[in-house]
Amino acid sequence: MVLVEVHDSTKPNSSLICVDNSRGVSEFSLDFLRDKVNIRASCNGLLCCSSIAVKGVHYVCNPMTREFKVLPKIKDQNLTRFYPDSEATLVGLACDPSRGKFDVVLAGYQCAGSSRRPDKTFACLIFDSDSNKWRKFVSFQEEIFTHMNRNQVVYVNSALHWLTGSGSYILVLDLNFEVWRKVSVPDETRYGTGNRVYLLESDGCLSLIEISDTWMKIWVMKEYERELWHMVDRVSLGCIKGLVHGIFPIAQTGECVFLATHKQVLVYHRTSWAWKEMYSVQSNATLPLWFSAHAFRTSIFPCE
């Protein structure tokens, strides 16, 4: 499924919809939180949300069971002063049903002293549902990271993965050992000059989707330890040529790929080579759908 937040300039609040390949489109609500929130990450049926009204308040919830947990406030306020707007650059949610626990990760450059300028300290905060506590560690990173409003975070192999801003490699946080490392992207991928690269999950594997003006290439890392990528599909974009410039992949399975344009959600069926419009905004929405669209699968995993 795909969760989409639809922004309508004529209404005070945005609305949520769920786009399901088999069931179509339905309304979706997080009203049980009794707070206006932004969805920051999605993993195995759980959502990580941040309060809009109160900075520093985060929730983990299961929309299917309507259970939620308010994460404890972080005592060290200096650690939550991320550059440039006091919000974490990277937000990740790791939900592992086999371990019966979840982790929330907030990370980003810290502000230098009382200014809004960044220093070179990259702070990472990890909430562990077993201990119900935050833990922290800091490191030094040189890369300018992708801002997570495009939800480019993937949890596989007990690690969270983000595509860096340059698209030159994948930044990995290994949650077992709490270390950062890098994973290479396919040598054949090209970022820039009209090409865009996106990181997704595909049936438990890392996947990279490269979009040019004419083609969409789908790569899957089937051998994680050896970091071996395989190109599994090459899709012509000729029949949606007018939409290619703003198109953005959100989620995929082995059979289909969900993509968003400015006001549409499309699905591409890989076996039949068919494109289908799943949803189209009928209002005067001013913000693009990909600003807050999330891959989502249902579960009854507890979060309390």
Protein backbone atom coordinates (compact mmCIF):
# COMPACT_ATOMS: atom_id res chain seq x y z
CA MET A 1 0.00 0.00 0.00
CA VAL A 2 0.90 3.66 -0.21
CA LEU A 3 -0.11 6.33 2.32
CA VAL A 4 -0.46 9.78 0.82
CA GLU A 5 -0.96 13.07 2.62
CA VAL A 6 -3.05 15.36 0.42
CA HIS A 7 -2.64 19.10 0.99
CA ASP A 8 -5.60 21.25 -0.02
CA SER A 9 -5.15 25.02 0.12
CA THR A 10 -8.90 25.47 0.68
CA LYS A 11 -8.95 23.38 3.89
CA PRO A 12 -7.17 23.96 7.23
CA ASN A 13 -5.97 20.36 7.60
CA SER A 14 -4.46 17.89 5.17
CA SER A 15 -6.07 14.48 4.67
CA LEU A 16 -4.65 10.98 4.42
CA ILE A 17 -5.57 8.38 1.85
CA CYS A 18 -4.50 4.78 1.39
CA VAL A 19 -3.84 3.51 -2.13
CA ASP A 20 -3.98 -0.28 -2.32
CA ASN A 21 -3.23 -2.15 -5.54
CA SER A 22 -5.97 -4.73 -4.85
CA ARG A 23 -8.55 -2.70 -2.93
CA GLY A 24 -8.29 0.73 -4.53
CA VAL A 25 -8.39 4.03 -2.63
CA SER A 26 -9.76 4.60 0.86
CA GLU A 27 -9.61 7.31 3.51
CA PHE A 28 -7.07 6.91 6.28
CA SER A 29 -7.03 8.54 9.69
CA LEU A 30 -4.63 9.01 12.60
CA ASP A 31 -7.25 10.78 14.70
CA PHE A 32 -6.63 8.37 17.59
CA LEU A 33 -3.36 10.26 18.25
CA ARG A 34 -5.40 13.38 19.11
CA ASP A 35 -2.63 15.53 17.72
CA LYS A 36 -1.80 16.97 14.31
CA VAL A 37 1.26 15.09 13.11
CA ASN A 38 3.62 14.55 10.22
CA ILE A 39 4.39 10.97 9.24
CA ARG A 40 8.18 10.69 9.21
CA ALA A 41 8.81 6.97 8.59
CA SER A 42 7.03 3.68 7.96
CA CYS A 43 8.19 0.14 8.64
CA ASN A 44 6.38 -3.22 8.81
CA GLY A 45 2.99 -1.79 9.78
CA LEU A 46 4.20 0.88 12.22
CA LEU A 47 4.45 4.62 11.61
CA CYS A 48 6.75 7.15 13.26
CA CYS A 49 5.05 10.54 13.53
CA SER A 50 6.17 13.90 14.87
CA SER A 51 3.88 16.45 16.48
CA ILE A 52 3.41 19.65 14.49
CA ALA A 53 2.31 21.67 17.52
CA VAL A 54 5.07 20.61 19.94
CA LYS A 55 8.61 20.15 18.69
CA GLY A 56 10.40 17.11 20.02
CA VAL A 57 7.25 15.01 20.55
CA HIS A 58 7.29 11.76 18.59
CA TYR A 59 4.82 8.90 18.33
CA VAL A 60 5.05 5.34 17.11
CA CYS A 61 1.65 3.94 16.17
CA ASN A 62 -0.07 1.04 14.48
CA PRO A 63 -3.00 2.44 12.44
CA MET A 64 -4.60 -1.01 12.13
CA THR A 65 -4.88 -1.61 15.90
CA ARG A 66 -5.00 2.14 16.76
CA GLU A 67 -2.34 1.58 19.41
CA PHE A 68 0.33 4.21 19.90
CA LYS A 69 3.27 5.05 22.10
CA VAL A 70 4.49 8.55 22.96
CA LEU A 71 8.27 8.44 23.00
CA PRO A 72 9.97 9.95 26.07
CA LYS A 73 11.29 13.48 25.66
CA ILE A 74 15.03 13.76 25.18
CA LYS A 75 16.59 15.37 28.25
CA ASP A 76 19.70 16.74 26.54
CA GLN A 77 18.17 19.57 24.51
CA ASN A 78 21.46 20.32 22.75
CA LEU A 79 21.23 16.97 20.99
CA THR A 80 17.86 17.86 19.50
CA ARG A 81 19.08 21.16 18.00
CA PHE A 82 19.66 19.86 14.50
CA TYR A 83 20.71 22.07 11.58
CA PRO A 84 19.00 23.94 9.95
CA ASP A 85 15.54 24.04 11.59
CA SER A 86 15.97 21.99 14.77
CA GLU A 87 14.56 18.95 12.98
CA ALA A 88 16.45 15.71 12.39
CA THR A 89 17.77 15.40 8.84
CA LEU A 90 17.47 11.61 8.93
CA VAL A 91 14.51 9.87 10.55
CA GLY A 92 14.30 6.11 10.58
CA LEU A 93 12.00 3.45 12.01
CA ALA A 94 13.20 -0.13 12.35
CA CYS A 95 10.47 -2.62 13.19
CA ASP A 96 11.58 -6.23 13.33
CA PRO A 97 8.76 -8.69 14.15
CA SER A 98 11.26 -11.52 14.65
CA ARG A 99 12.94 -9.55 17.45
CA GLY A 100 9.65 -8.28 18.87
CA LYS A 101 10.90 -4.70 19.16
CA PHE A 102 11.31 -1.45 17.28
CA ASP A 103 13.89 1.35 17.14
CA VAL A 104 13.51 4.99 16.18
CA VAL A 105 16.50 6.91 14.85
CA LEU A 106 16.93 10.70 14.72
CA ALA A 107 20.15 11.98 13.21
CA GLY A 108 21.62 15.15 11.78
CA TYR A 109 24.22 17.87 12.11
CA GLN A 110 24.14 19.71 15.41
CA CYS A 111 23.84 23.48 15.53
CA ALA A 112 27.05 25.23 16.51
CA GLY A 113 26.50 26.80 19.94
CA SER A 114 23.55 29.18 19.95
CA SER A 115 23.70 29.80 16.19
CA ARG A 116 21.81 28.08 13.42
CA ARG A 117 25.04 27.16 11.64
CA PRO A 118 26.07 23.50 11.63
CA ASP A 119 29.25 22.19 13.16
CA LYS A 120 30.87 18.98 11.92
CA THR A 121 29.30 16.85 14.63
CA PHE A 122 26.77 14.38 13.30
CA ALA A 123 24.58 13.32 16.23
CA CYS A 124 22.53 10.14 16.31
CA LEU A 125 19.78 9.31 18.81
CA ILE A 126 18.31 5.81 18.98
CA PHE A 127 15.17 4.90 20.88
CA ASP A 128 14.97 1.25 21.93
CA SER A 129 11.48 -0.07 22.68
CA ASP A 130 12.90 -2.78 24.97
CA SER A 131 14.59 -0.33 27.32
CA ASN A 132 12.14 2.54 26.65
CA LYS A 133 15.15 4.87 26.53
CA TRP A 134 17.12 6.96 24.09
CA ARG A 135 20.83 6.38 23.62
CA LYS A 136 23.23 8.58 21.68
CA PHE A 137 26.47 8.61 19.82
CA VAL A 138 28.20 11.20 17.65
CA SER A 139 30.42 10.95 14.61
CA PHE A 140 31.81 13.13 11.85
CA GLN A 141 30.34 13.01 8.37
CA GLU A 142 31.24 15.09 5.33
CA GLU A 143 28.36 14.25 3.02
CA ILE A 144 25.35 16.54 2.62
CA PHE A 145 22.47 14.18 3.30
CA THR A 146 19.17 13.91 1.50
CA HIS A 147 16.44 15.62 3.52
CA MET A 148 13.92 12.99 4.52
CA ASN A 149 10.81 14.70 3.20
CA ARG A 150 11.09 12.18 0.35
CA ASN A 151 11.16 9.24 2.74
CA GLN A 152 14.25 7.63 1.30
CA VAL A 153 14.90 5.24 4.18
CA VAL A 154 14.89 1.44 3.93
CA TYR A 155 15.16 -1.11 6.73
CA VAL A 156 16.67 -4.45 5.72
CA ASN A 157 19.23 -6.78 7.32
CA SER A 158 18.95 -5.11 10.75
CA ALA A 159 20.15 -1.81 9.29
CA LEU A 160 18.68 1.48 8.11
CA HIS A 161 19.71 2.76 4.68
CA TRP A 162 19.63 6.28 3.25
CA LEU A 163 20.68 7.46 -0.19
CA THR A 164 23.08 10.38 0.17
CA GLY A 165 22.33 13.74 -1.38
CA SER A 166 24.78 13.22 -4.23
CA GLY A 167 23.42 9.76 -4.99
CA SER A 168 27.00 8.47 -4.98
CA TYR A 169 26.53 5.90 -2.21
CA ILE A 170 24.13 4.60 0.45
CA LEU A 171 24.68 5.52 4.09
CA VAL A 172 23.98 2.60 6.42
CA LEU A 173 23.34 2.57 10.16
CA ASP A 174 23.94 -0.94 11.51
CA LEU A 175 21.67 -1.19 14.53
CA ASN A 176 23.36 -4.31 15.89
CA PHE A 177 26.72 -2.60 16.29
CA GLU A 178 25.66 1.09 16.15
CA VAL A 179 28.14 2.03 13.45
CA TRP A 180 27.80 3.98 10.21
CA ARG A 181 29.14 2.52 6.99
CA LYS A 182 28.79 3.02 3.26
CA VAL A 183 27.33 0.78 0.57
CA SER A 184 28.09 1.37 -3.10
CA VAL A 185 25.44 1.95 -5.74
CA PRO A 186 25.58 0.11 -9.09
CA ASP A 187 28.52 1.29 -11.18
CA GLU A 188 26.25 1.80 -14.19
CA THR A 189 23.90 4.26 -12.50
CA ARG A 190 24.21 7.91 -13.40
CA TYR A 191 23.02 10.70 -11.13
CA GLY A 192 22.46 14.19 -12.51
CA THR A 193 22.06 15.51 -16.08
CA GLY A 194 18.41 14.45 -16.09
CA ASN A 195 18.89 11.17 -14.25
CA ARG A 196 17.44 10.64 -10.77
CA VAL A 197 18.11 7.78 -8.38
CA TYR A 198 15.83 6.57 -5.56
CA LEU A 199 16.20 3.98 -2.81
CA LEU A 200 13.38 1.53 -2.08
CA GLU A 201 12.75 -1.90 -0.57
CA SER A 202 11.69 -4.86 -2.66
CA ASP A 203 10.57 -8.05 -0.93
CA GLY A 204 13.16 -7.70 1.83
CA CYS A 205 15.99 -6.50 -0.43
CA LEU A 206 17.53 -3.12 -1.16
CA SER A 207 16.39 -1.73 -4.48
CA LEU A 208 17.55 1.25 -6.51
CA ILE A 209 15.36 2.85 -9.17
CA GLU A 210 17.00 5.07 -11.77
CA ILE A 211 14.76 7.34 -13.83
CA SER A 212 15.86 9.18 -16.97
CA ASP A 213 13.80 10.99 -19.59
CA THR A 214 13.06 7.76 -21.42
CA TRP A 215 13.78 4.77 -19.14
CA MET A 216 13.21 3.45 -15.64
CA LYS A 217 15.81 0.92 -14.51
CA ILE A 218 15.20 -1.26 -11.44
CA TRP A 219 18.17 -2.66 -9.53
CA VAL A 220 17.97 -5.14 -6.64
CA MET A 221 20.77 -6.12 -4.25
CA LYS A 222 20.11 -9.86 -4.02
CA GLU A 223 23.47 -10.61 -2.34
CA TYR A 224 23.65 -8.15 0.53
CA GLU A 225 26.92 -9.24 2.14
CA ARG A 226 28.78 -9.07 -1.19
CA GLU A 227 27.00 -5.85 -2.23
CA LEU A 228 26.11 -7.30 -5.63
CA TRP A 229 23.45 -5.47 -7.62
CA HIS A 230 21.33 -7.01 -10.38
CA MET A 231 19.29 -5.01 -12.89
CA VAL A 232 15.92 -6.80 -12.87
CA ASP A 233 13.92 -4.54 -15.19
CA ARG A 234 14.28 -1.79 -17.78
CA VAL A 235 11.01 -0.01 -18.44
CA SER A 236 10.28 2.38 -21.29
CA LEU A 237 8.60 5.61 -20.15
CA GLY A 238 7.39 6.56 -23.61
CA CYS A 239 3.70 6.09 -22.82
CA ILE A 240 3.85 8.48 -19.83
CA LYS A 241 6.30 10.89 -21.44
CA GLY A 242 4.48 14.01 -20.28
CA LEU A 243 4.66 12.93 -16.63
CA VAL A 244 8.29 11.81 -16.46
CA HIS A 245 9.81 15.09 -15.29
CA GLY A 246 8.06 15.06 -11.90
CA ILE A 247 7.55 11.35 -11.35
CA PHE A 248 8.80 9.76 -8.13
CA PRO A 249 8.76 6.07 -7.04
CA ILE A 250 7.27 5.41 -3.60
CA ALA A 251 7.00 1.65 -3.12
CA GLN A 252 7.33 -1.61 -4.96
CA THR A 253 6.87 -5.36 -4.81
CA GLY A 254 8.19 -7.98 -7.16
CA GLU A 255 5.15 -7.42 -9.38
CA CYS A 256 4.50 -3.68 -9.39
CA VAL A 257 5.94 -0.23 -8.72
CA PHE A 258 3.96 2.68 -7.21
CA LEU A 259 4.93 6.13 -8.43
CA ALA A 260 3.61 9.62 -7.77
CA THR A 261 3.43 12.67 -9.98
CA HIS A 262 2.44 16.12 -8.76
CA LYS A 263 -1.21 15.08 -8.32
CA GLN A 264 -1.42 11.39 -9.20
CA VAL A 265 -0.48 7.95 -7.93
CA LEU A 266 0.35 5.51 -10.70
CA VAL A 267 1.12 1.80 -10.58
CA TYR A 268 3.25 -0.03 -13.13
CA HIS A 269 2.58 -3.77 -13.45
CA ARG A 270 5.85 -5.40 -14.42
CA THR A 271 4.39 -8.66 -15.73
CA SER A 272 1.80 -7.09 -18.05
CA TRP A 273 3.84 -3.92 -18.81
CA ALA A 274 0.70 -1.91 -18.04
CA TRP A 275 0.37 1.51 -16.39
CA LYS A 276 -2.69 2.38 -14.32
CA GLU A 277 -3.77 5.57 -12.56
CA MET A 278 -4.74 4.64 -9.00
CA TYR A 279 -5.52 8.09 -7.64
CA SER A 280 -5.79 11.67 -8.86
CA VAL A 281 -6.21 14.79 -6.73
CA GLN A 282 -9.52 16.47 -7.51
CA SER A 283 -8.90 19.57 -5.37
CA ASN A 284 -6.66 22.61 -5.65
CA ALA A 285 -3.79 20.91 -3.84
CA THR A 286 -0.69 23.06 -3.95
CA LEU A 287 1.98 20.68 -2.65
CA PRO A 288 3.14 17.63 -4.60
CA LEU A 289 2.04 14.21 -3.43
CA TRP A 290 5.59 12.93 -3.13
CA PHE A 291 6.23 15.43 -0.34
CA SER A 292 4.58 12.97 2.03
CA ALA A 293 3.91 9.59 0.47
CA HIS A 294 4.97 6.42 2.28
CA ALA A 295 5.17 2.73 1.54
CA PHE A 296 2.98 0.88 4.04
CA ARG A 297 2.00 -2.70 4.84
CA THR A 298 -0.53 -3.74 7.45
CA SER A 299 0.39 -5.70 10.56
CA ILE A 300 -0.79 -6.22 14.13
CA PHE A 301 2.68 -5.64 15.58
CA PRO A 302 2.29 -4.05 19.06
CA CYS A 303 3.84 -0.66 19.73
CA GLU A 304 2.71 -0.01 23.32
